[in-house]
C-alpha atoms as a PDB file:
ATOM      1  CA  MET A   1     -47.420 -21.259 -48.683  1.00  0.00           C
ATOM      2  CA  ASP A   2     -46.166 -18.435 -46.471  1.00  0.00           C
ATOM      3  CA  ILE A   3     -48.621 -15.787 -45.386  1.00  0.00           C
ATOM      4  CA  HIS A   4     -46.981 -12.400 -44.827  1.00  0.00           C
ATOM      5  CA  ASP A   5     -48.122 -10.555 -41.739  1.00  0.00           C
ATOM      6  CA  PRO A   6     -48.274  -6.862 -42.768  1.00  0.00           C
ATOM      7  CA  PHE A   7     -47.652  -5.800 -39.159  1.00  0.00           C
ATOM      8  CA  GLU A   8     -44.507  -7.882 -38.712  1.00  0.00           C
ATOM      9  CA  THR A   9     -41.381  -5.803 -39.169  1.00  0.00           C
ATOM     10  CA  GLU A  10     -37.975  -6.897 -40.338  1.00  0.00           C
ATOM     11  CA  ARG A  11     -36.688  -6.634 -36.767  1.00  0.00           C
ATOM     12  CA  LYS A  12     -39.322  -9.119 -35.530  1.00  0.00           C
ATOM     13  CA  LEU A  13     -40.686  -6.592 -33.058  1.00  0.00           C
ATOM     14  CA  VAL A  14     -43.761  -7.293 -31.039  1.00  0.00           C
ATOM     15  CA  PHE A  15     -46.025  -4.301 -31.440  1.00  0.00           C
ATOM     16  CA  GLN A  16     -48.511  -3.906 -28.608  1.00  0.00           C
ATOM     17  CA  ASP A  17     -51.276  -1.487 -27.754  1.00  0.00           C
ATOM     18  CA  LEU A  18     -49.944   1.437 -25.703  1.00  0.00           C
ATOM     19  CA  THR A  19     -51.856   0.301 -22.602  1.00  0.00           C
ATOM     20  CA  ASN A  20     -50.326  -3.175 -22.915  1.00  0.00           C
ATOM     21  CA  ILE A  21     -46.851  -1.656 -23.202  1.00  0.00           C
ATOM     22  CA  LEU A  22     -47.400   0.106 -19.886  1.00  0.00           C
ATOM     23  CA  ASN A  23     -48.468  -3.173 -18.255  1.00  0.00           C
ATOM     24  CA  THR A  24     -45.478  -5.226 -19.483  1.00  0.00           C
ATOM     25  CA  GLY A  25     -43.229  -4.159 -16.652  1.00  0.00           C
ATOM     26  CA  LEU A  26     -41.640  -1.323 -18.606  1.00  0.00           C
ATOM     27  CA  ASN A  27     -42.337   1.052 -15.733  1.00  0.00           C
ATOM     28  CA  ARG A  28     -40.589  -1.203 -13.204  1.00  0.00           C
ATOM     29  CA  HIS A  29     -37.132  -0.633 -14.655  1.00  0.00           C
ATOM     30  CA  GLN A  30     -37.528   2.687 -16.434  1.00  0.00           C
ATOM     31  CA  PRO A  31     -38.796   6.139 -15.567  1.00  0.00           C
ATOM     32  CA  HIS A  32     -42.560   6.335 -15.313  1.00  0.00           C
ATOM     33  CA  TYR A  33     -44.306   6.342 -18.687  1.00  0.00           C
ATOM     34  CA  SER A  34     -47.918   7.313 -19.188  1.00  0.00           C
ATOM     35  CA  TYR A  35     -50.305   6.553 -22.024  1.00  0.00           C
ATOM     36  CA  GLN A  36     -50.475  10.252 -22.869  1.00  0.00           C
ATOM     37  CA  MET A  37     -46.688  10.542 -23.007  1.00  0.00           C
ATOM     38  CA  LEU A  38     -46.327   7.588 -25.400  1.00  0.00           C
ATOM     39  CA  TRP A  39     -49.191   8.906 -27.563  1.00  0.00           C
ATOM     40  CA  ARG A  40     -47.582  12.363 -27.717  1.00  0.00           C
ATOM     41  CA  TRP A  41     -44.168  10.916 -28.636  1.00  0.00           C
ATOM     42  CA  ALA A  42     -45.762   8.832 -31.397  1.00  0.00           C
ATOM     43  CA  ARG A  43     -48.019  11.506 -32.884  1.00  0.00           C
ATOM     44  CA  ARG A  44     -46.168  14.782 -32.269  1.00  0.00           C
ATOM     45  CA  GLY A  45     -42.655  13.676 -31.414  1.00  0.00           C
ATOM     46  CA  VAL A  46     -40.107  15.672 -29.456  1.00  0.00           C
ATOM     47  CA  CYS A  47     -38.084  18.534 -30.883  1.00  0.00           C
ATOM     48  CA  ALA A  48     -34.395  17.879 -30.238  1.00  0.00           C
ATOM     49  CA  HIS A  49     -31.951  20.717 -29.578  1.00  0.00           C
ATOM     50  CA  ASN A  50     -30.771  20.576 -33.199  1.00  0.00           C
ATOM     51  CA  GLY A  51     -34.318  21.289 -34.427  1.00  0.00           C
ATOM     52  CA  GLU A  52     -34.961  17.738 -35.624  1.00  0.00           C
ATOM     53  CA  ARG A  53     -38.324  16.262 -34.614  1.00  0.00           C
ATOM     54  CA  VAL A  54     -37.881  12.719 -33.270  1.00  0.00           C
ATOM     55  CA  ARG A  55     -40.968  10.485 -33.190  1.00  0.00           C
ATOM     56  CA  LEU A  56     -41.667   7.167 -31.528  1.00  0.00           C
ATOM     57  CA  GLU A  57     -42.039   4.348 -34.056  1.00  0.00           C
ATOM     58  CA  HIS A  58     -45.616   3.153 -34.070  1.00  0.00           C
ATOM     59  CA  GLU A  59     -48.359   1.578 -36.127  1.00  0.00           C
ATOM     60  CA  ARG A  60     -51.958   2.606 -36.274  1.00  0.00           C
ATOM     61  CA  ARG A  61     -54.514  -0.206 -36.412  1.00  0.00           C
ATOM     62  CA  GLY A  62     -58.230   0.334 -36.066  1.00  0.00           C
ATOM     63  CA  GLY A  63     -57.879   3.703 -34.372  1.00  0.00           C
ATOM     64  CA  ARG A  64     -55.319   2.475 -31.825  1.00  0.00           C
ATOM     65  CA  LEU A  65     -51.600   3.118 -31.651  1.00  0.00           C
ATOM     66  CA  TYR A  66     -49.185   0.218 -31.286  1.00  0.00           C
ATOM     67  CA  THR A  67     -45.485   0.328 -30.466  1.00  0.00           C
ATOM     68  CA  SER A  68     -42.830  -1.894 -28.893  1.00  0.00           C
ATOM     69  CA  VAL A  69     -40.452  -1.705 -25.966  1.00  0.00           C
ATOM     70  CA  GLU A  70     -37.571  -1.782 -28.453  1.00  0.00           C
ATOM     71  CA  ALA A  71     -39.073   1.186 -30.316  1.00  0.00           C
ATOM     72  CA  ILE A  72     -39.232   3.147 -27.046  1.00  0.00           C
ATOM     73  CA  GLN A  73     -35.574   2.367 -26.402  1.00  0.00           C
ATOM     74  CA  ARG A  74     -34.620   3.437 -29.945  1.00  0.00           C
ATOM     75  CA  PHE A  75     -36.645   6.638 -29.507  1.00  0.00           C
ATOM     76  CA  GLY A  76     -34.524   7.546 -26.482  1.00  0.00           C
ATOM     77  CA  GLN A  77     -31.315   6.732 -28.337  1.00  0.00           C
ATOM     78  CA  ASN A  78     -32.357   8.737 -31.415  1.00  0.00           C
ATOM     79  CA  LEU A  79     -33.261  11.739 -29.277  1.00  0.00           C
ATOM     80  CA  ALA A  80     -29.954  11.549 -27.402  1.00  0.00           C
ATOM     81  CA  GLU A  81     -28.012  11.279 -30.685  1.00  0.00           C
ATOM     82  CA  ALA A  82     -29.791  14.330 -32.123  1.00  0.00           C
ATOM     83  CA  ASP A  83     -29.025  16.325 -28.981  1.00  0.00           C
ATOM     84  CA  THR A  84     -25.392  15.173 -28.986  1.00  0.00           C
ATOM     85  CA  GLU A  85     -25.046  16.266 -32.619  1.00  0.00           C
ATOM     86  CA  TYR A  86     -26.272  19.744 -31.667  1.00  0.00           C
ATOM     87  CA  PHE A  87     -23.982  20.082 -28.661  1.00  0.00           C
ATOM     88  CA  ASP A  88     -20.974  18.803 -30.644  1.00  0.00           C
ATOM     89  CA  GLU A  89     -21.601  21.416 -33.350  1.00  0.00           C
ATOM     90  CA  SER A  90     -22.087  24.268 -30.878  1.00  0.00           C
ATOM     91  CA  ALA A  91     -18.961  23.299 -28.899  1.00  0.00           C
ATOM     92  CA  GLY A  92     -16.769  23.206 -31.990  1.00  0.00           C
END
């Protein structure tokens, strides 16, 4: 009998507490991230130039926020794509 983990996503991501994400070595190869920055991206998001609000994928468990390194990378890509869309429209 298979037991489904409700926190396991289709992409098989490892969601970790925000403080654990910061301690995984993410800051060694990327710009400096802080707990507050990740929390803000998850809860409020960032308004792209095209007006779209892009948020960091996360889960909330027991009052804590969880995300993954892959989700942080996708957040950056999604924000860049939204900005590119805006600049492409304004240039044309």
